[in-house]
Amino acid sequence: MAAVDDDTDLAYDVVVVGAGAGGLAAAVAAAHHGARVLVLEAADVCGGATAWSGGWLWAPRTLLAHEAGVDESAEDVTAYLRAALGADFDEERIAAFLDGAPEMVEFFHTRTTLQFVPGSRINDIYGDLPHAGTGNRSAAPRPLNARRLSRRTRRLLRGQLYETSFLGMGIMAGPDLGAFLAAARGSLRGIWHCFWRVGLHLIDLVTHRRGLQLVNGTALVGRLLQSAEDAGVDIRVNTPATALERDTDGRVVGVAATSPDGPLHVTARHGVVL
């Protein structure tokens, strides 16, 4: 991420409010299209609720599914969503989602640091409904060793939620979790995996005071932060947006915010993403 100055009046092409997965993804996409981007985050770290989540996304018909030999029709997925959503089904929005989701996954997977692993064995939640999937409709961020991140990016990354981890160590759904469950049943391979994972985590705690083997939501945010840094996105933490600024025609032209140094006014030449 590029350094930012201390001026109280700034100008960017795009201003993004919030540094969760949605905000960071929007910032990275805008920067890849040539925009100068600023992200404003109210907290002292980035990630929001995303960093404490499983980090999975439901995105059918992606290149990951195609590489696994699964090529579904949009009609099958639409039929499942129609059954799952009932009265909330919106055909136009669902069609837009099914068109856009594969493009989104391909963009991040092939052009940024955010790579995914396929949920080849992750069934759809409503498995009893018509056309429910039995795998390859979900994807998760590829685990990330935080040593690959710059020091500033590591400082910006929200840590794993302690209450849903082992001493702050996340466990990824899939083979990682399967190995821990196998260890509980006495599997020697599972026990070795657990010793390896926990041992690395304890070393990280001693040397860096936090776990560096990122999985789930922390891996998603970590990879997005690295992608943002690669794309030249500016990020300001401890800087909550307080109001949208408009011109005389009512068009949003910027954001008012409060930084640690005082009030801040940011002009957004092309738009504000909330």
Protein backbone atom coordinates (compact mmCIF):
# COMPACT_ATOMS: atom_id res chain seq x y z
CA MET A 1 0.00 0.00 0.00
CA ALA A 2 1.32 3.39 -0.93
CA ALA A 3 2.09 5.91 1.76
CA VAL A 4 -0.44 8.67 2.38
CA ASP A 5 0.29 12.24 3.36
CA ASP A 6 -1.17 14.20 6.26
CA ASP A 7 -3.14 16.78 4.27
CA THR A 8 -6.67 17.48 5.45
CA ASP A 9 -7.90 17.77 1.85
CA LEU A 10 -7.19 14.84 -0.45
CA ALA A 11 -8.34 13.78 -3.92
CA TYR A 12 -8.71 10.25 -5.27
CA ASP A 13 -10.53 8.63 -8.16
CA VAL A 14 -12.39 6.20 -5.88
CA VAL A 15 -12.93 6.23 -2.12
CA VAL A 16 -13.96 3.01 -0.38
CA VAL A 17 -15.50 3.09 3.09
CA GLY A 18 -14.67 -0.04 5.08
CA ALA A 19 -11.83 -2.56 4.77
CA GLY A 20 -13.73 -5.83 4.92
CA ALA A 21 -13.76 -8.30 2.04
CA GLY A 22 -16.26 -6.27 0.01
CA GLY A 23 -14.42 -2.99 0.44
CA LEU A 24 -10.97 -4.41 -0.23
CA ALA A 25 -12.19 -6.35 -3.26
CA ALA A 26 -13.76 -3.19 -4.70
CA ALA A 27 -10.56 -1.25 -4.04
CA VAL A 28 -8.36 -3.85 -5.73
CA ALA A 29 -10.65 -4.08 -8.76
CA ALA A 30 -10.78 -0.30 -9.17
CA ALA A 31 -7.00 0.00 -8.85
CA HIS A 32 -6.47 -2.71 -11.46
CA HIS A 33 -8.56 -0.60 -13.83
CA GLY A 34 -6.22 2.35 -13.31
CA ALA A 35 -8.00 4.26 -10.54
CA ARG A 36 -6.21 5.93 -7.65
CA VAL A 37 -7.97 4.44 -4.62
CA LEU A 38 -8.24 5.28 -0.92
CA VAL A 39 -9.79 2.96 1.68
CA LEU A 40 -11.05 4.45 4.96
CA GLU A 41 -11.37 2.07 7.92
CA ALA A 42 -12.79 3.06 11.30
CA ALA A 43 -10.97 0.33 13.27
CA ASP A 44 -7.24 0.10 13.87
CA VAL A 45 -7.03 -3.08 11.78
CA CYS A 46 -8.59 -4.30 8.54
CA GLY A 47 -10.85 -7.25 7.91
CA GLY A 48 -14.02 -6.55 9.86
CA ALA A 49 -16.23 -9.59 10.41
CA THR A 50 -14.65 -11.25 7.36
CA ALA A 51 -11.42 -11.91 9.25
CA TRP A 52 -13.36 -13.90 11.85
CA SER A 53 -15.39 -15.84 9.30
CA GLY A 54 -14.78 -19.11 7.52
CA GLY A 55 -13.81 -17.13 4.42
CA TRP A 56 -15.79 -19.35 2.06
CA LEU A 57 -17.76 -17.99 -0.86
CA TRP A 58 -20.58 -19.60 -2.81
CA ALA A 59 -19.79 -19.08 -6.47
CA PRO A 60 -20.89 -21.80 -8.90
CA ARG A 61 -19.70 -22.36 -12.46
CA THR A 62 -16.19 -20.97 -11.91
CA LEU A 63 -12.90 -21.89 -13.54
CA LEU A 64 -12.13 -23.96 -10.43
CA ALA A 65 -15.18 -26.13 -11.09
CA HIS A 66 -14.28 -26.36 -14.77
CA GLU A 67 -10.75 -27.49 -13.91
CA ALA A 68 -12.30 -30.19 -11.70
CA GLY A 69 -14.38 -31.39 -14.65
CA VAL A 70 -17.65 -29.95 -13.35
CA ASP A 71 -19.53 -27.85 -15.92
CA GLU A 72 -23.05 -27.09 -14.74
CA SER A 73 -25.71 -25.23 -16.63
CA ALA A 74 -26.96 -21.90 -15.35
CA GLU A 75 -30.45 -23.40 -15.46
CA ASP A 76 -29.58 -26.08 -12.88
CA VAL A 77 -28.10 -23.55 -10.45
CA THR A 78 -31.01 -21.18 -11.02
CA ALA A 79 -33.47 -23.97 -10.25
CA TYR A 80 -31.71 -24.65 -6.95
CA LEU A 81 -31.74 -20.99 -5.99
CA ARG A 82 -35.39 -20.66 -6.94
CA ALA A 83 -36.24 -23.53 -4.59
CA ALA A 84 -34.00 -22.21 -1.80
CA LEU A 85 -35.10 -18.58 -1.94
CA GLY A 86 -38.80 -19.05 -2.49
CA ALA A 87 -40.62 -15.72 -2.51
CA ASP A 88 -37.29 -13.85 -2.28
CA PHE A 89 -36.10 -15.18 -5.64
CA ASP A 90 -35.28 -12.32 -8.02
CA GLU A 91 -34.59 -13.68 -11.49
CA GLU A 92 -32.79 -10.59 -12.79
CA ARG A 93 -30.45 -10.39 -9.81
CA ILE A 94 -29.78 -14.12 -9.83
CA ALA A 95 -28.90 -13.98 -13.53
CA ALA A 96 -26.51 -11.08 -12.87
CA PHE A 97 -24.93 -13.01 -9.99
CA LEU A 98 -24.44 -16.17 -12.03
CA ASP A 99 -22.83 -14.11 -14.81
CA GLY A 100 -20.63 -12.06 -12.50
CA ALA A 101 -19.47 -14.58 -9.90
CA PRO A 102 -17.34 -16.68 -12.28
CA GLU A 103 -15.76 -13.53 -13.72
CA MET A 104 -14.99 -12.25 -10.23
CA VAL A 105 -13.33 -15.50 -9.15
CA GLU A 106 -11.29 -15.68 -12.35
CA PHE A 107 -10.15 -12.06 -12.00
CA PHE A 108 -8.86 -12.45 -8.46
CA HIS A 109 -7.54 -15.98 -8.96
CA THR A 110 -5.51 -15.15 -12.06
CA ARG A 111 -4.58 -11.48 -11.64
CA THR A 112 -4.08 -10.89 -7.91
CA THR A 113 -2.62 -12.56 -4.82
CA LEU A 114 -6.08 -13.85 -3.90
CA GLN A 115 -6.00 -17.45 -5.06
CA PHE A 116 -8.72 -19.93 -4.17
CA VAL A 117 -9.02 -23.64 -3.44
CA PRO A 118 -12.18 -25.43 -4.62
CA GLY A 119 -14.77 -26.84 -2.26
CA SER A 120 -14.85 -30.12 -4.14
CA ARG A 121 -16.59 -31.93 -1.28
CA ILE A 122 -18.66 -29.06 0.09
CA ASN A 123 -22.35 -29.76 -0.49
CA ASP A 124 -24.96 -27.05 -0.83
CA ILE A 125 -26.60 -26.21 2.50
CA TYR A 126 -30.09 -27.18 1.39
CA GLY A 127 -29.06 -30.55 0.06
CA ASP A 128 -32.58 -31.95 -0.11
CA LEU A 129 -33.74 -29.37 -2.65
CA PRO A 130 -33.88 -29.99 -6.41
CA HIS A 131 -30.59 -29.43 -8.23
CA ALA A 132 -28.60 -29.03 -4.98
CA GLY A 133 -24.88 -29.30 -5.59
CA THR A 134 -22.61 -31.95 -4.10
CA GLY A 135 -19.39 -30.00 -4.53
CA ASN A 136 -17.49 -27.42 -6.59
CA ARG A 137 -19.95 -24.60 -6.03
CA SER A 138 -17.89 -23.13 -3.19
CA ALA A 139 -14.34 -21.84 -2.89
CA ALA A 140 -12.06 -20.77 -0.07
CA PRO A 141 -8.93 -18.61 0.01
CA ARG A 142 -5.72 -20.55 -0.31
CA PRO A 143 -3.88 -20.60 3.06
CA LEU A 144 -1.21 -17.94 3.38
CA ASN A 145 1.99 -17.67 5.39
CA ALA A 146 1.92 -14.10 6.71
CA ARG A 147 5.70 -13.91 6.39
CA ARG A 148 4.98 -13.14 2.73
CA LEU A 149 3.26 -9.92 3.81
CA SER A 150 5.03 -6.67 4.53
CA ARG A 151 5.31 -5.62 8.18
CA ARG A 152 2.78 -2.85 7.70
CA THR A 153 0.31 -5.21 6.08
CA ARG A 154 0.70 -7.68 8.95
CA ARG A 155 -0.01 -4.85 11.40
CA LEU A 156 -3.15 -3.96 9.46
CA LEU A 157 -4.51 -7.52 9.50
CA ARG A 158 -7.05 -8.43 12.16
CA GLY A 159 -6.05 -11.58 14.03
CA GLN A 160 -7.93 -14.84 14.31
CA LEU A 161 -10.84 -14.75 16.77
CA TYR A 162 -9.44 -16.43 19.89
CA GLU A 163 -12.75 -18.01 20.93
CA THR A 164 -13.08 -19.95 17.66
CA SER A 165 -9.47 -21.10 17.46
CA PHE A 166 -6.80 -22.98 19.37
CA LEU A 167 -4.59 -20.35 21.01
CA GLY A 168 -5.38 -18.12 18.06
CA MET A 169 -4.65 -20.80 15.46
CA GLY A 170 -7.33 -21.19 12.80
CA ILE A 171 -8.21 -24.60 11.38
CA MET A 172 -9.35 -24.72 7.77
CA ALA A 173 -12.37 -26.74 6.72
CA GLY A 174 -11.39 -29.64 4.51
CA PRO A 175 -8.18 -31.69 4.77
CA ASP A 176 -6.82 -29.55 7.63
CA LEU A 177 -9.89 -30.08 9.82
CA GLY A 178 -10.09 -33.69 8.67
CA ALA A 179 -6.56 -34.32 9.93
CA PHE A 180 -7.40 -32.92 13.36
CA LEU A 181 -10.51 -35.12 13.53
CA ALA A 182 -8.47 -38.12 12.41
CA ALA A 183 -5.94 -37.42 15.16
CA ALA A 184 -8.75 -37.60 17.71
CA ARG A 185 -9.47 -41.11 16.39
CA GLY A 186 -5.83 -42.14 16.80
CA SER A 187 -4.58 -41.71 13.23
CA LEU A 188 -0.79 -41.42 13.21
CA ARG A 189 -0.88 -39.26 10.09
CA GLY A 190 -3.46 -37.00 11.75
CA ILE A 191 -1.41 -36.79 14.94
CA TRP A 192 1.70 -35.82 12.95
CA HIS A 193 -0.28 -33.12 11.12
CA CYS A 194 -1.51 -31.71 14.45
CA PHE A 195 1.98 -31.65 15.95
CA TRP A 196 3.29 -29.91 12.82
CA ARG A 197 0.52 -27.28 12.76
CA VAL A 198 0.56 -26.58 16.49
CA GLY A 199 4.36 -26.55 16.60
CA LEU A 200 4.58 -23.94 13.84
CA HIS A 201 1.91 -21.89 15.57
CA LEU A 202 3.75 -21.91 18.90
CA ILE A 203 6.95 -20.81 17.15
CA ASP A 204 5.02 -17.95 15.55
CA LEU A 205 3.59 -16.91 18.93
CA VAL A 206 7.08 -16.79 20.44
CA THR A 207 8.73 -14.98 17.53
CA HIS A 208 5.91 -12.73 16.28
CA ARG A 209 3.30 -12.77 19.07
CA ARG A 210 0.66 -13.99 16.62
CA GLY A 211 -0.04 -16.92 14.35
CA LEU A 212 1.33 -16.50 10.84
CA GLN A 213 -0.29 -19.52 9.19
CA LEU A 214 -3.41 -17.80 7.86
CA VAL A 215 -6.51 -19.76 6.91
CA ASN A 216 -10.21 -19.04 6.44
CA GLY A 217 -11.23 -15.39 6.81
CA THR A 218 -7.80 -14.18 7.87
CA ALA A 219 -6.29 -15.70 4.72
CA LEU A 220 -8.97 -13.99 2.62
CA VAL A 221 -8.26 -10.60 4.18
CA GLY A 222 -4.50 -11.14 4.14
CA ARG A 223 -4.52 -11.97 0.44
CA LEU A 224 -6.76 -8.99 -0.32
CA LEU A 225 -4.46 -6.68 1.64
CA GLN A 226 -1.45 -8.00 -0.27
CA SER A 227 -3.35 -7.51 -3.53
CA ALA A 228 -4.20 -3.96 -2.46
CA GLU A 229 -0.56 -3.24 -1.70
CA ASP A 230 0.50 -4.67 -5.07
CA ALA A 231 -2.08 -2.46 -6.82
CA GLY A 232 -1.02 0.73 -5.01
CA VAL A 233 -4.18 1.17 -2.93
CA ASP A 234 -3.88 3.62 -0.02
CA ILE A 235 -5.41 2.52 3.29
CA ARG A 236 -6.08 4.68 6.35
CA VAL A 237 -7.10 2.98 9.57
CA ASN A 238 -8.54 4.75 12.63
CA THR A 239 -10.30 7.01 10.13
CA PRO A 240 -14.08 6.60 10.21
CA ALA A 241 -16.11 8.23 7.45
CA THR A 242 -18.61 10.65 8.97
CA ALA A 243 -20.59 11.97 5.98
CA LEU A 244 -20.93 11.92 2.24
CA GLU A 245 -20.16 15.21 0.53
CA ARG A 246 -22.38 16.34 -2.34
CA ASP A 247 -22.31 19.04 -4.98
CA THR A 248 -25.15 21.49 -5.66
CA ASP A 249 -26.92 18.88 -7.82
CA GLY A 250 -26.90 16.33 -5.01
CA ARG A 251 -24.23 14.15 -6.62
CA VAL A 252 -21.84 12.46 -4.19
CA VAL A 253 -18.39 13.93 -4.79
CA GLY A 254 -16.46 12.90 -1.70
CA VAL A 255 -16.32 11.84 1.92
CA ALA A 256 -15.82 13.63 5.22
CA ALA A 257 -13.88 11.61 7.78
CA THR A 258 -12.19 11.91 11.14
CA SER A 259 -8.52 10.93 11.26
CA PRO A 260 -6.24 10.75 14.31
CA ASP A 261 -4.95 14.17 13.23
CA GLY A 262 -8.38 15.75 12.87
CA PRO A 263 -11.09 16.27 10.23
CA LEU A 264 -10.40 15.00 6.73
CA HIS A 265 -12.09 15.79 3.43
CA VAL A 266 -11.55 13.48 0.46
CA THR A 267 -12.72 14.26 -3.04
CA ALA A 268 -13.80 11.20 -5.05
CA ARG A 269 -13.58 12.00 -8.75
CA HIS A 270 -15.34 8.84 -9.93
CA GLY A 271 -17.29 7.55 -6.95
CA VAL A 272 -17.61 6.40 -3.35
CA VAL A 273 -18.09 2.73 -2.48
CA LEU A 274 -19.93 2.04 0.78
